[in-house]
C-alpha atoms as a PDB file:
ATOM      1  CA  UNK A   1       0.350   0.227   0.200  1.00  0.00           C
ATOM      2  CA  UNK A   2       1.243   3.149  -0.671  1.00  0.00           C
ATOM      3  CA  UNK A   3       1.176   5.973   2.013  1.00  0.00           C
ATOM      4  CA  UNK A   4       2.198   9.261   1.310  1.00  0.00           C
ATOM      5  CA  UNK A   5       3.293  12.459   3.768  1.00  0.00           C
ATOM      6  CA  UNK A   6       2.186  15.840   2.384  1.00  0.00           C
ATOM      7  CA  UNK A   7       1.591  19.778   3.236  1.00  0.00           C
ATOM      8  CA  UNK A   8      -2.308  20.274   2.723  1.00  0.00           C
ATOM      9  CA  UNK A   9      -1.645  23.900   0.411  1.00  0.00           C
ATOM     10  CA  UNK A  10      -6.009  23.783   0.066  1.00  0.00           C
ATOM     11  CA  UNK A  11      -9.198  23.244   1.386  1.00  0.00           C
ATOM     12  CA  UNK A  12     -11.679  24.992  -0.824  1.00  0.00           C
ATOM     13  CA  UNK A  13     -13.986  22.099  -2.169  1.00  0.00           C
ATOM     14  CA  UNK A  14     -16.218  19.929  -0.059  1.00  0.00           C
ATOM     15  CA  UNK A  15     -14.520  16.322   2.172  1.00  0.00           C
ATOM     16  CA  UNK A  16     -11.784  17.300  -0.750  1.00  0.00           C
ATOM     17  CA  UNK A  17      -8.036  18.392   0.430  1.00  0.00           C
ATOM     18  CA  UNK A  18      -4.680  19.199  -1.751  1.00  0.00           C
ATOM     19  CA  UNK A  19      -1.747  18.053  -0.766  1.00  0.00           C
ATOM     20  CA  UNK A  20       1.749  18.674  -1.791  1.00  0.00           C
ATOM     21  CA  UNK A  21       4.225  15.912  -1.158  1.00  0.00           C
ATOM     22  CA  UNK A  22       7.810  17.547  -1.981  1.00  0.00           C
ATOM     23  CA  UNK A  23       9.777  14.553  -3.029  1.00  0.00           C
ATOM     24  CA  UNK A  24      14.396  15.349  -2.769  1.00  0.00           C
ATOM     25  CA  UNK A  25      16.235  13.749  -6.051  1.00  0.00           C
ATOM     26  CA  UNK A  26      19.732  13.817  -7.088  1.00  0.00           C
ATOM     27  CA  UNK A  27      21.052  14.126 -10.724  1.00  0.00           C
ATOM     28  CA  UNK A  28      22.475  11.333 -11.545  1.00  0.00           C
ATOM     29  CA  UNK A  29      26.142  12.451 -13.128  1.00  0.00           C
ATOM     30  CA  UNK A  30      25.996  16.112 -11.105  1.00  0.00           C
ATOM     31  CA  UNK A  31      25.045  14.651  -7.799  1.00  0.00           C
ATOM     32  CA  UNK A  32      23.298  18.483  -6.908  1.00  0.00           C
ATOM     33  CA  UNK A  33      19.993  17.244  -4.922  1.00  0.00           C
ATOM     34  CA  UNK A  34      17.097  19.318  -6.358  1.00  0.00           C
ATOM     35  CA  UNK A  35      12.990  19.228  -4.722  1.00  0.00           C
ATOM     36  CA  UNK A  36       9.495  17.736  -7.420  1.00  0.00           C
ATOM     37  CA  UNK A  37       6.846  18.181  -5.870  1.00  0.00           C
ATOM     38  CA  UNK A  38       3.125  17.074  -7.556  1.00  0.00           C
ATOM     39  CA  UNK A  39      -0.363  17.810  -5.537  1.00  0.00           C
ATOM     40  CA  UNK A  40      -3.105  15.466  -4.935  1.00  0.00           C
ATOM     41  CA  UNK A  41      -6.748  15.506  -4.564  1.00  0.00           C
ATOM     42  CA  UNK A  42      -7.290  13.618  -1.328  1.00  0.00           C
ATOM     43  CA  UNK A  43     -10.670  12.635   0.153  1.00  0.00           C
ATOM     44  CA  UNK A  44     -10.590  14.509   3.708  1.00  0.00           C
ATOM     45  CA  UNK A  45     -13.178  13.294   5.987  1.00  0.00           C
ATOM     46  CA  UNK A  46     -11.293  13.706   9.039  1.00  0.00           C
ATOM     47  CA  UNK A  47     -11.411  18.119   8.776  1.00  0.00           C
ATOM     48  CA  UNK A  48      -7.541  19.451   7.971  1.00  0.00           C
ATOM     49  CA  UNK A  49      -7.005  23.514   7.701  1.00  0.00           C
ATOM     50  CA  UNK A  50      -4.505  24.285   5.207  1.00  0.00           C
ATOM     51  CA  UNK A  51      -0.805  24.403   6.523  1.00  0.00           C
ATOM     52  CA  UNK A  52      -1.187  20.961   8.486  1.00  0.00           C
ATOM     53  CA  UNK A  53       1.350  17.997   7.131  1.00  0.00           C
ATOM     54  CA  UNK A  54      -1.588  14.767   7.264  1.00  0.00           C
ATOM     55  CA  UNK A  55      -0.206  11.028   5.685  1.00  0.00           C
ATOM     56  CA  UNK A  56      -2.878   9.317   3.116  1.00  0.00           C
ATOM     57  CA  UNK A  57      -2.999   6.213   1.540  1.00  0.00           C
ATOM     58  CA  UNK A  58      -3.821   4.990  -1.453  1.00  0.00           C
ATOM     59  CA  UNK A  59      -8.427   3.968  -1.294  1.00  0.00           C
ATOM     60  CA  UNK A  60     -10.644   3.118  -3.699  1.00  0.00           C
ATOM     61  CA  UNK A  61     -11.393   5.783  -7.192  1.00  0.00           C
ATOM     62  CA  UNK A  62     -14.053   8.184  -5.044  1.00  0.00           C
ATOM     63  CA  UNK A  63     -14.486  10.152  -8.292  1.00  0.00           C
ATOM     64  CA  UNK A  64     -12.467  10.810 -11.450  1.00  0.00           C
ATOM     65  CA  UNK A  65      -9.133  12.320  -9.592  1.00  0.00           C
ATOM     66  CA  UNK A  66     -10.006  11.629  -5.734  1.00  0.00           C
ATOM     67  CA  UNK A  67      -7.640   7.744  -5.347  1.00  0.00           C
ATOM     68  CA  UNK A  68      -6.353   8.731  -1.944  1.00  0.00           C
ATOM     69  CA  UNK A  69      -8.053   9.221   1.652  1.00  0.00           C
ATOM     70  CA  UNK A  70      -6.472  11.074   4.496  1.00  0.00           C
ATOM     71  CA  UNK A  71      -5.305   8.661   7.295  1.00  0.00           C
ATOM     72  CA  UNK A  72      -3.856  10.539  10.236  1.00  0.00           C
ATOM     73  CA  UNK A  73      -3.374  14.989  10.893  1.00  0.00           C
ATOM     74  CA  UNK A  74       0.589  15.023  11.973  1.00  0.00           C
ATOM     75  CA  UNK A  75       0.140  19.230  12.922  1.00  0.00           C
ATOM     76  CA  UNK A  76       1.496  22.234  11.824  1.00  0.00           C
ATOM     77  CA  UNK A  77       4.112  22.332   8.634  1.00  0.00           C
ATOM     78  CA  UNK A  78       7.610  22.564  10.338  1.00  0.00           C
ATOM     79  CA  UNK A  79       8.401  25.528   7.997  1.00  0.00           C
ATOM     80  CA  UNK A  80       5.143  27.156   8.436  1.00  0.00           C
ATOM     81  CA  UNK A  81       5.423  27.642  12.004  1.00  0.00           C
ATOM     82  CA  UNK A  82       3.651  31.330  12.075  1.00  0.00           C
ATOM     83  CA  UNK A  83       0.807  29.699  10.724  1.00  0.00           C
ATOM     84  CA  UNK A  84       0.061  27.343  13.633  1.00  0.00           C
ATOM     85  CA  UNK A  85      -1.996  30.589  15.978  1.00  0.00           C
ATOM     86  CA  UNK A  86      -3.967  30.796  11.975  1.00  0.00           C
ATOM     87  CA  UNK A  87      -4.457  26.980  11.547  1.00  0.00           C
ATOM     88  CA  UNK A  88      -5.397  26.519  15.500  1.00  0.00           C
ATOM     89  CA  UNK A  89      -8.101  28.899  14.950  1.00  0.00           C
ATOM     90  CA  UNK A  90      -9.531  27.711  12.029  1.00  0.00           C
ATOM     91  CA  UNK A  91      -9.527  24.053  14.178  1.00  0.00           C
ATOM     92  CA  UNK A  92     -11.157  25.652  17.097  1.00  0.00           C
ATOM     93  CA  UNK A  93     -13.945  27.354  14.316  1.00  0.00           C
ATOM     94  CA  UNK A  94     -15.067  24.098  13.675  1.00  0.00           C
END
């Protein structure tokens, strides 16, 4: 089973979150490291908020683009400690 970890970047759809997964690659010849990112449409029944780190897995297709579901909310992204207050306010609203 494929398990990914990423950051929620959009929560504008009902029961759907756009999650970005970044991975680090090394160039075969020059040995330089660079990032590649991909956005996944993920089924969200746990109520995540933009800026949170989530863990998601493959599941049966829910719609044309949604073939993933969120399993666990890990917390606020490390680089976005400034968003921590904003995320806490969003969670309290729900």
